[in-house]
Each structure stands twice: as structure tokens, then as C-alpha cells.
C-alpha atoms as a PDB file:
ATOM      1  CA  UNK A   1     -22.568 -12.268  -1.075  1.00  0.00           C
ATOM      2  CA  UNK A   2     -25.231  -9.876   0.117  1.00  0.00           C
ATOM      3  CA  UNK A   3     -26.925  -7.151  -1.888  1.00  0.00           C
ATOM      4  CA  UNK A   4     -29.089  -4.541  -0.208  1.00  0.00           C
ATOM      5  CA  UNK A   5     -30.401  -1.192  -1.465  1.00  0.00           C
ATOM      6  CA  UNK A   6     -28.024  -1.040  -4.389  1.00  0.00           C
ATOM      7  CA  UNK A   7     -24.824  -1.741  -2.426  1.00  0.00           C
ATOM      8  CA  UNK A   8     -22.698  -4.723  -3.311  1.00  0.00           C
ATOM      9  CA  UNK A   9     -20.513  -6.399  -0.683  1.00  0.00           C
ATOM     10  CA  UNK A  10     -18.649  -9.289  -2.240  1.00  0.00           C
ATOM     11  CA  UNK A  11     -15.515 -10.475  -3.986  1.00  0.00           C
ATOM     12  CA  UNK A  12     -13.401  -7.369  -3.426  1.00  0.00           C
ATOM     13  CA  UNK A  13      -9.888  -8.022  -4.767  1.00  0.00           C
ATOM     14  CA  UNK A  14      -7.291  -8.359  -1.989  1.00  0.00           C
ATOM     15  CA  UNK A  15      -5.616  -5.064  -2.897  1.00  0.00           C
ATOM     16  CA  UNK A  16      -8.942  -3.263  -2.342  1.00  0.00           C
ATOM     17  CA  UNK A  17      -9.822  -4.850   0.992  1.00  0.00           C
ATOM     18  CA  UNK A  18      -7.561  -2.569   3.019  1.00  0.00           C
ATOM     19  CA  UNK A  19      -8.886   0.541   1.303  1.00  0.00           C
ATOM     20  CA  UNK A  20     -12.486  -0.595   1.822  1.00  0.00           C
ATOM     21  CA  UNK A  21     -11.837  -1.285   5.518  1.00  0.00           C
ATOM     22  CA  UNK A  22     -10.145   2.097   5.984  1.00  0.00           C
ATOM     23  CA  UNK A  23     -13.071   3.906   4.354  1.00  0.00           C
ATOM     24  CA  UNK A  24     -15.575   1.941   6.441  1.00  0.00           C
ATOM     25  CA  UNK A  25     -13.848   2.957   9.677  1.00  0.00           C
ATOM     26  CA  UNK A  26     -13.290   6.497   8.474  1.00  0.00           C
ATOM     27  CA  UNK A  27     -16.913   7.235   7.596  1.00  0.00           C
ATOM     28  CA  UNK A  28     -18.862   5.038  10.033  1.00  0.00           C
ATOM     29  CA  UNK A  29     -20.272   7.223  12.819  1.00  0.00           C
ATOM     30  CA  UNK A  30     -22.684   4.700  14.336  1.00  0.00           C
ATOM     31  CA  UNK A  31     -23.333   0.991  13.900  1.00  0.00           C
ATOM     32  CA  UNK A  32     -25.947  -1.133  15.644  1.00  0.00           C
ATOM     33  CA  UNK A  33     -28.012  -4.233  15.122  1.00  0.00           C
ATOM     34  CA  UNK A  34     -29.917  -7.150  16.576  1.00  0.00           C
ATOM     35  CA  UNK A  35     -30.267 -10.871  15.971  1.00  0.00           C
ATOM     36  CA  UNK A  36     -33.331 -12.992  16.830  1.00  0.00           C
ATOM     37  CA  UNK A  37     -32.397 -16.566  17.773  1.00  0.00           C
ATOM     38  CA  UNK A  38     -35.042 -19.301  17.662  1.00  0.00           C
ATOM     39  CA  UNK A  39     -35.818 -20.789  21.097  1.00  0.00           C
ATOM     40  CA  UNK A  40     -36.357 -24.227  19.588  1.00  0.00           C
ATOM     41  CA  UNK A  41     -33.508 -24.483  17.098  1.00  0.00           C
ATOM     42  CA  UNK A  42     -30.947 -21.850  18.221  1.00  0.00           C
ATOM     43  CA  UNK A  43     -30.783 -20.537  14.640  1.00  0.00           C
ATOM     44  CA  UNK A  44     -30.833 -16.857  13.576  1.00  0.00           C
ATOM     45  CA  UNK A  45     -34.323 -16.181  12.230  1.00  0.00           C
ATOM     46  CA  UNK A  46     -34.001 -12.430  11.863  1.00  0.00           C
ATOM     47  CA  UNK A  47     -31.036 -10.049  11.542  1.00  0.00           C
ATOM     48  CA  UNK A  48     -31.184  -6.260  11.662  1.00  0.00           C
ATOM     49  CA  UNK A  49     -28.337  -3.856  11.019  1.00  0.00           C
ATOM     50  CA  UNK A  50     -28.317  -0.075  11.020  1.00  0.00           C
ATOM     51  CA  UNK A  51     -25.342   2.151  10.267  1.00  0.00           C
ATOM     52  CA  UNK A  52     -24.706   5.813   9.605  1.00  0.00           C
ATOM     53  CA  UNK A  53     -21.825   7.051   7.484  1.00  0.00           C
ATOM     54  CA  UNK A  54     -20.695  10.666   7.339  1.00  0.00           C
ATOM     55  CA  UNK A  55     -17.655  12.637   6.283  1.00  0.00           C
ATOM     56  CA  UNK A  56     -15.793  13.767   9.443  1.00  0.00           C
ATOM     57  CA  UNK A  57     -15.227  17.154   7.765  1.00  0.00           C
ATOM     58  CA  UNK A  58     -18.852  17.556   6.675  1.00  0.00           C
ATOM     59  CA  UNK A  59     -21.135  15.872   9.185  1.00  0.00           C
ATOM     60  CA  UNK A  60     -24.236  17.546   7.763  1.00  0.00           C
ATOM     61  CA  UNK A  61     -24.225  15.114   4.854  1.00  0.00           C
ATOM     62  CA  UNK A  62     -24.760  11.563   6.038  1.00  0.00           C
ATOM     63  CA  UNK A  63     -25.850   8.238   4.582  1.00  0.00           C
ATOM     64  CA  UNK A  64     -28.016   5.917   6.642  1.00  0.00           C
ATOM     65  CA  UNK A  65     -27.992   2.223   5.838  1.00  0.00           C
ATOM     66  CA  UNK A  66     -30.461  -0.335   7.185  1.00  0.00           C
ATOM     67  CA  UNK A  67     -30.767  -4.069   6.679  1.00  0.00           C
ATOM     68  CA  UNK A  68     -33.577  -6.351   7.831  1.00  0.00           C
ATOM     69  CA  UNK A  69     -33.262 -10.029   6.919  1.00  0.00           C
ATOM     70  CA  UNK A  70     -35.791 -12.743   7.819  1.00  0.00           C
ATOM     71  CA  UNK A  71     -34.311 -16.200   7.429  1.00  0.00           C
ATOM     72  CA  UNK A  72     -36.011 -19.542   6.854  1.00  0.00           C
ATOM     73  CA  UNK A  73     -35.585 -22.862   5.043  1.00  0.00           C
ATOM     74  CA  UNK A  74     -32.321 -23.570   6.872  1.00  0.00           C
ATOM     75  CA  UNK A  75     -30.190 -26.280   5.303  1.00  0.00           C
ATOM     76  CA  UNK A  76     -31.181 -25.426   1.742  1.00  0.00           C
ATOM     77  CA  UNK A  77     -28.589 -24.077  -0.688  1.00  0.00           C
ATOM     78  CA  UNK A  78     -29.078 -20.393  -1.471  1.00  0.00           C
ATOM     79  CA  UNK A  79     -27.500 -18.744  -4.501  1.00  0.00           C
ATOM     80  CA  UNK A  80     -27.440 -14.959  -4.800  1.00  0.00           C
ATOM     81  CA  UNK A  81     -26.121 -12.819  -7.639  1.00  0.00           C
ATOM     82  CA  UNK A  82     -25.589  -9.048  -7.731  1.00  0.00           C
ATOM     83  CA  UNK A  83     -27.773  -6.866  -9.958  1.00  0.00           C
ATOM     84  CA  UNK A  84     -26.074  -5.458 -13.014  1.00  0.00           C
ATOM     85  CA  UNK A  85     -25.874  -1.848 -11.778  1.00  0.00           C
ATOM     86  CA  UNK A  86     -24.793  -2.344  -8.182  1.00  0.00           C
ATOM     87  CA  UNK A  87     -21.815  -0.522  -6.656  1.00  0.00           C
ATOM     88  CA  UNK A  88     -19.154  -1.868  -4.352  1.00  0.00           C
ATOM     89  CA  UNK A  89     -19.222  -0.222  -0.920  1.00  0.00           C
ATOM     90  CA  UNK A  90     -15.864   1.432  -1.592  1.00  0.00           C
ATOM     91  CA  UNK A  91     -17.269   3.020  -4.750  1.00  0.00           C
ATOM     92  CA  UNK A  92     -20.259   4.313  -2.807  1.00  0.00           C
ATOM     93  CA  UNK A  93     -17.968   6.161  -0.384  1.00  0.00           C
ATOM     94  CA  UNK A  94     -16.159   7.706  -3.336  1.00  0.00           C
ATOM     95  CA  UNK A  95     -19.374   8.852  -5.013  1.00  0.00           C
ATOM     96  CA  UNK A  96     -20.962  10.269  -1.877  1.00  0.00           C
ATOM     97  CA  UNK A  97     -18.048  11.820  -0.005  1.00  0.00           C
ATOM     98  CA  UNK A  98     -14.860  12.118  -2.048  1.00  0.00           C
ATOM     99  CA  UNK A  99     -16.172  13.446  -5.361  1.00  0.00           C
ATOM    100  CA  UNK A 100     -18.079  16.389  -3.802  1.00  0.00           C
ATOM    101  CA  UNK A 101     -14.909  17.334  -1.910  1.00  0.00           C
ATOM    102  CA  UNK A 102     -12.922  17.309  -5.140  1.00  0.00           C
ATOM    103  CA  UNK A 103     -15.528  19.473  -6.868  1.00  0.00           C
ATOM    104  CA  UNK A 104     -15.442  21.956  -3.973  1.00  0.00           C
ATOM    105  CA  UNK A 105     -11.640  22.170  -4.079  1.00  0.00           C
ATOM    106  CA  UNK A 106     -11.751  22.673  -7.842  1.00  0.00           C
ATOM    107  CA  UNK A 107     -14.299  25.479  -7.495  1.00  0.00           C
ATOM    108  CA  UNK A 108     -11.928  27.210  -5.077  1.00  0.00           C
ATOM    109  CA  UNK A 109      -9.007  26.758  -7.475  1.00  0.00           C
ATOM    110  CA  UNK A 110     -10.929  28.323 -10.362  1.00  0.00           C
ATOM    111  CA  UNK A 111     -12.030  31.198  -8.119  1.00  0.00           C
ATOM    112  CA  UNK A 112      -8.419  31.786  -7.039  1.00  0.00           C
ATOM    113  CA  UNK A 113      -7.290  31.975 -10.673  1.00  0.00           C
ATOM    114  CA  UNK A 114     -10.010  34.503 -11.478  1.00  0.00           C
ATOM    115  CA  UNK A 115      -8.972  36.654  -8.505  1.00  0.00           C
ATOM    116  CA  UNK A 116      -5.372  36.541  -9.704  1.00  0.00           C
ATOM    117  CA  UNK A 117      -6.486  37.508 -13.210  1.00  0.00           C
ATOM    118  CA  UNK A 118      -8.199  40.594 -11.808  1.00  0.00           C
ATOM    119  CA  UNK A 119      -5.079  41.495  -9.836  1.00  0.00           C
ATOM    120  CA  UNK A 120      -2.932  41.003 -12.945  1.00  0.00           C
ATOM    121  CA  UNK A 121      -5.072  43.474 -14.896  1.00  0.00           C
ATOM    122  CA  UNK A 122      -4.776  46.042 -12.095  1.00  0.00           C
ATOM    123  CA  UNK A 123      -1.014  45.506 -12.129  1.00  0.00           C
ATOM    124  CA  UNK A 124      -0.962  45.963 -15.915  1.00  0.00           C
ATOM    125  CA  UNK A 125      -2.978  49.187 -15.727  1.00  0.00           C
ATOM    126  CA  UNK A 126      -0.414  50.690 -13.355  1.00  0.00           C
ATOM    127  CA  UNK A 127       2.805  49.294 -14.805  1.00  0.00           C
ATOM    128  CA  UNK A 128       2.041  48.813 -18.507  1.00  0.00           C
ATOM    129  CA  UNK A 129       3.063  45.141 -18.298  1.00  0.00           C
ATOM    130  CA  UNK A 130       2.107  41.993 -16.461  1.00  0.00           C
ATOM    131  CA  UNK A 131       4.226  40.876 -13.489  1.00  0.00           C
ATOM    132  CA  UNK A 132       7.116  38.516 -14.043  1.00  0.00           C
ATOM    133  CA  UNK A 133       6.009  36.597 -10.955  1.00  0.00           C
ATOM    134  CA  UNK A 134       2.709  36.301  -9.079  1.00  0.00           C
ATOM    135  CA  UNK A 135       4.318  37.342  -5.800  1.00  0.00           C
ATOM    136  CA  UNK A 136       4.882  40.856  -7.186  1.00  0.00           C
ATOM    137  CA  UNK A 137       1.134  41.553  -7.033  1.00  0.00           C
ATOM    138  CA  UNK A 138       0.751  41.145  -3.255  1.00  0.00           C
ATOM    139  CA  UNK A 139      -0.250  42.978  -1.201  1.00  0.00           C
ATOM    140  CA  UNK A 140      -0.913  46.022  -3.435  1.00  0.00           C
ATOM    141  CA  UNK A 141      -3.189  44.357  -5.981  1.00  0.00           C
ATOM    142  CA  UNK A 142      -4.276  41.286  -4.022  1.00  0.00           C
ATOM    143  CA  UNK A 143      -4.046  40.708  -0.281  1.00  0.00           C
ATOM    144  CA  UNK A 144      -2.102  37.470  -0.626  1.00  0.00           C
ATOM    145  CA  UNK A 145      -1.323  34.919  -3.309  1.00  0.00           C
ATOM    146  CA  UNK A 146      -3.652  31.915  -2.849  1.00  0.00           C
ATOM    147  CA  UNK A 147      -2.167  28.452  -2.560  1.00  0.00           C
ATOM    148  CA  UNK A 148      -3.682  25.093  -3.412  1.00  0.00           C
ATOM    149  CA  UNK A 149      -5.137  23.290  -0.394  1.00  0.00           C
ATOM    150  CA  UNK A 150      -3.633  19.980  -1.541  1.00  0.00           C
ATOM    151  CA  UNK A 151      -0.404  20.966  -3.255  1.00  0.00           C
ATOM    152  CA  UNK A 152       0.395  23.911  -0.991  1.00  0.00           C
ATOM    153  CA  UNK A 153       1.603  25.959  -3.960  1.00  0.00           C
ATOM    154  CA  UNK A 154       0.109  28.881  -5.934  1.00  0.00           C
ATOM    155  CA  UNK A 155      -1.167  28.485  -9.498  1.00  0.00           C
ATOM    156  CA  UNK A 156       1.576  28.059 -12.069  1.00  0.00           C
ATOM    157  CA  UNK A 157       2.392  31.298 -13.908  1.00  0.00           C
ATOM    158  CA  UNK A 158       4.470  32.377 -16.882  1.00  0.00           C
ATOM    159  CA  UNK A 159       4.838  35.805 -18.500  1.00  0.00           C
ATOM    160  CA  UNK A 160       5.778  36.422 -22.127  1.00  0.00           C
ATOM    161  CA  UNK A 161       9.236  37.962 -22.762  1.00  0.00           C
ATOM    162  CA  UNK A 162       7.695  41.435 -23.315  1.00  0.00           C
ATOM    163  CA  UNK A 163       5.308  40.882 -20.373  1.00  0.00           C
ATOM    164  CA  UNK A 164       2.347  41.886 -22.521  1.00  0.00           C
ATOM    165  CA  UNK A 165       0.804  38.429 -22.050  1.00  0.00           C
ATOM    166  CA  UNK A 166       0.737  35.801 -19.344  1.00  0.00           C
ATOM    167  CA  UNK A 167      -0.222  32.167 -18.929  1.00  0.00           C
ATOM    168  CA  UNK A 168      -1.684  30.912 -15.656  1.00  0.00           C
ATOM    169  CA  UNK A 169      -2.910  27.468 -14.706  1.00  0.00           C
ATOM    170  CA  UNK A 170      -4.007  25.196 -11.896  1.00  0.00           C
ATOM    171  CA  UNK A 171      -4.665  21.479 -11.549  1.00  0.00           C
ATOM    172  CA  UNK A 172      -8.278  20.312 -11.250  1.00  0.00           C
ATOM    173  CA  UNK A 173      -9.041  16.959  -9.679  1.00  0.00           C
ATOM    174  CA  UNK A 174     -12.309  16.449 -11.584  1.00  0.00           C
ATOM    175  CA  UNK A 175     -11.458  15.761 -15.216  1.00  0.00           C
ATOM    176  CA  UNK A 176     -15.108  16.296 -16.202  1.00  0.00           C
ATOM    177  CA  UNK A 177     -15.211  19.872 -14.859  1.00  0.00           C
ATOM    178  CA  UNK A 178     -17.055  22.078 -17.370  1.00  0.00           C
ATOM    179  CA  UNK A 179     -14.442  24.836 -17.038  1.00  0.00           C
ATOM    180  CA  UNK A 180     -12.021  22.657 -18.996  1.00  0.00           C
ATOM    181  CA  UNK A 181     -14.162  23.043 -22.121  1.00  0.00           C
ATOM    182  CA  UNK A 182     -13.490  26.771 -22.302  1.00  0.00           C
ATOM    183  CA  UNK A 183      -9.964  27.216 -20.982  1.00  0.00           C
ATOM    184  CA  UNK A 184      -6.988  28.339 -23.066  1.00  0.00           C
ATOM    185  CA  UNK A 185      -5.109  25.044 -23.643  1.00  0.00           C
ATOM    186  CA  UNK A 186      -2.025  27.156 -24.412  1.00  0.00           C
ATOM    187  CA  UNK A 187       1.561  25.848 -24.310  1.00  0.00           C
ATOM    188  CA  UNK A 188       3.837  28.593 -22.972  1.00  0.00           C
ATOM    189  CA  UNK A 189       6.690  26.089 -22.693  1.00  0.00           C
ATOM    190  CA  UNK A 190       6.609  25.515 -26.442  1.00  0.00           C
ATOM    191  CA  UNK A 191       6.376  29.293 -26.955  1.00  0.00           C
ATOM    192  CA  UNK A 192       9.694  29.648 -25.141  1.00  0.00           C
ATOM    193  CA  UNK A 193       8.420  31.629 -22.150  1.00  0.00           C
ATOM    194  CA  UNK A 194      10.314  31.502 -18.875  1.00  0.00           C
ATOM    195  CA  UNK A 195       8.739  28.927 -16.511  1.00  0.00           C
ATOM    196  CA  UNK A 196       6.364  27.941 -19.311  1.00  0.00           C
ATOM    197  CA  UNK A 197       4.081  24.928 -19.078  1.00  0.00           C
ATOM    198  CA  UNK A 198       1.727  22.837 -21.178  1.00  0.00           C
ATOM    199  CA  UNK A 199      -1.835  24.008 -20.538  1.00  0.00           C
ATOM    200  CA  UNK A 200      -3.520  21.197 -22.452  1.00  0.00           C
ATOM    201  CA  UNK A 201      -6.271  19.604 -20.381  1.00  0.00           C
ATOM    202  CA  UNK A 202      -4.238  16.409 -20.259  1.00  0.00           C
ATOM    203  CA  UNK A 203      -1.015  18.325 -19.516  1.00  0.00           C
ATOM    204  CA  UNK A 204       0.797  18.338 -16.195  1.00  0.00           C
ATOM    205  CA  UNK A 205       0.050  22.024 -15.552  1.00  0.00           C
ATOM    206  CA  UNK A 206       3.465  22.468 -13.927  1.00  0.00           C
ATOM    207  CA  UNK A 207       6.535  24.466 -14.859  1.00  0.00           C
ATOM    208  CA  UNK A 208       9.220  22.893 -17.008  1.00  0.00           C
ATOM    209  CA  UNK A 209      10.886  20.144 -15.016  1.00  0.00           C
ATOM    210  CA  UNK A 210       8.195  20.269 -12.322  1.00  0.00           C
ATOM    211  CA  UNK A 211       6.130  17.421 -10.941  1.00  0.00           C
ATOM    212  CA  UNK A 212       2.350  17.070 -10.842  1.00  0.00           C
ATOM    213  CA  UNK A 213       1.197  16.247  -7.312  1.00  0.00           C
ATOM    214  CA  UNK A 214      -2.405  15.683  -8.423  1.00  0.00           C
ATOM    215  CA  UNK A 215      -3.084  13.335 -11.299  1.00  0.00           C
ATOM    216  CA  UNK A 216      -5.951  15.094 -13.056  1.00  0.00           C
ATOM    217  CA  UNK A 217      -6.452  17.921 -15.569  1.00  0.00           C
ATOM    218  CA  UNK A 218      -4.896  21.321 -16.249  1.00  0.00           C
ATOM    219  CA  UNK A 219      -7.102  24.425 -16.244  1.00  0.00           C
ATOM    220  CA  UNK A 220      -5.284  27.379 -17.807  1.00  0.00           C
ATOM    221  CA  UNK A 221      -6.047  30.969 -18.782  1.00  0.00           C
ATOM    222  CA  UNK A 222      -4.503  33.803 -20.785  1.00  0.00           C
ATOM    223  CA  UNK A 223      -5.573  37.480 -21.001  1.00  0.00           C
END
């Protein structure tokens, strides 16, 4: 085991080794190092390693890792233990690269819903009722209906039978997103609306009989 600068590299379960290797190759942009070998004993007396990790889609944010080990007392048993708050390398990649991407996608999803809400109000002002389907608002009230970058589908939508109310929702990948504290948490499926869905934060946020492609939380709104 080796522990350097808060990163823990040891005892990964077999099922995690492939994922860790994939992430290492995915994010590593440069790796280099040097080893000093003793002229008298042919043993490694110093080891240096430098590596840079960056998201291929966001190269401006990079993590630089350096290691400098000086070795002595060869032949003696050395026992190392990880500190209590260390992270496995795979967890570091998740914290640094994947979570910010999820937060950015969620911000876009929330923004898309708000744009659709504005379009729905413009539609209501002209027609005296909300649309039965989101597609009816484009291109007059909104240029195009936004789709989720992961799911490839627009937010889920349901209108009340008299079309005086609507229920709209989208899946967020970050279950700790603050927007979930103030959303509607309405259940249009239980209310009997066509294409209704459960808007509870822990709900699937998909129409009746649908399938959730992202396992996370449901952000939903009503007028």
C-alpha cells in the first residue's frame, strides 16, 4: 500500500479494479518519472513520479500528482496503514471530474424547465389553457423543445383534464441539489391526469409505465 497527498491506492475489490483502470487511462494526460539506482547495491534509492489528470471534455481543470520517495534500510519489514480520511483513486476521479459534470447537466435541466414554464404561460395567455403536449408550444412560444443531454428526451409533462394546470418534471443526477427542497413534489398520476407521473424527489419522474434512465431524483414544477 502507498498513501500520498490524501490518495489511497490499495486493496481495491476486484469488481472495482476495471473501473479504476478505465478512469486512470481516461483522465491521465501525462505520466513521467525517474528511479535512482545505487551504483554499489543496484537498489532503488529514490523514486519520482509525476502525473497530470484532466477531463477530456474540460481540459482547463486538471489535477497534478507528484510523488518523491527516498528509500533506505533495505531488508527491514515496513508496515504502512492508510489515514482515516483518505480516498481511493477512483473516488478522487469521481469527486473532481464526474460530480461537477453532473451539477452542470442538472443546472441546464432546471434552466430548460424554467424556459418551458415561461413558454407555457405565454401559451396560456393566448389560448386560455395550457397545452396538452409540450410540442404544441414550438416554435411560436419557444424556439424548440429542449431535450436532456443524457436521456435524449424532453422533460416529462402532464396537463390537467381542464388544462388549467400542468405538471412538469425532469430527472436530476445530484440528489443533494438545493432545487429539490423547493419543488412541487406533486403526483399527477395519482390525480388521474393523462401521462401523469410521481413528482416526489425519490420518484421516477417518468410517465406512467415509463422507465427512468438516470437513477437519481425528480425535480418537478406546477404553475
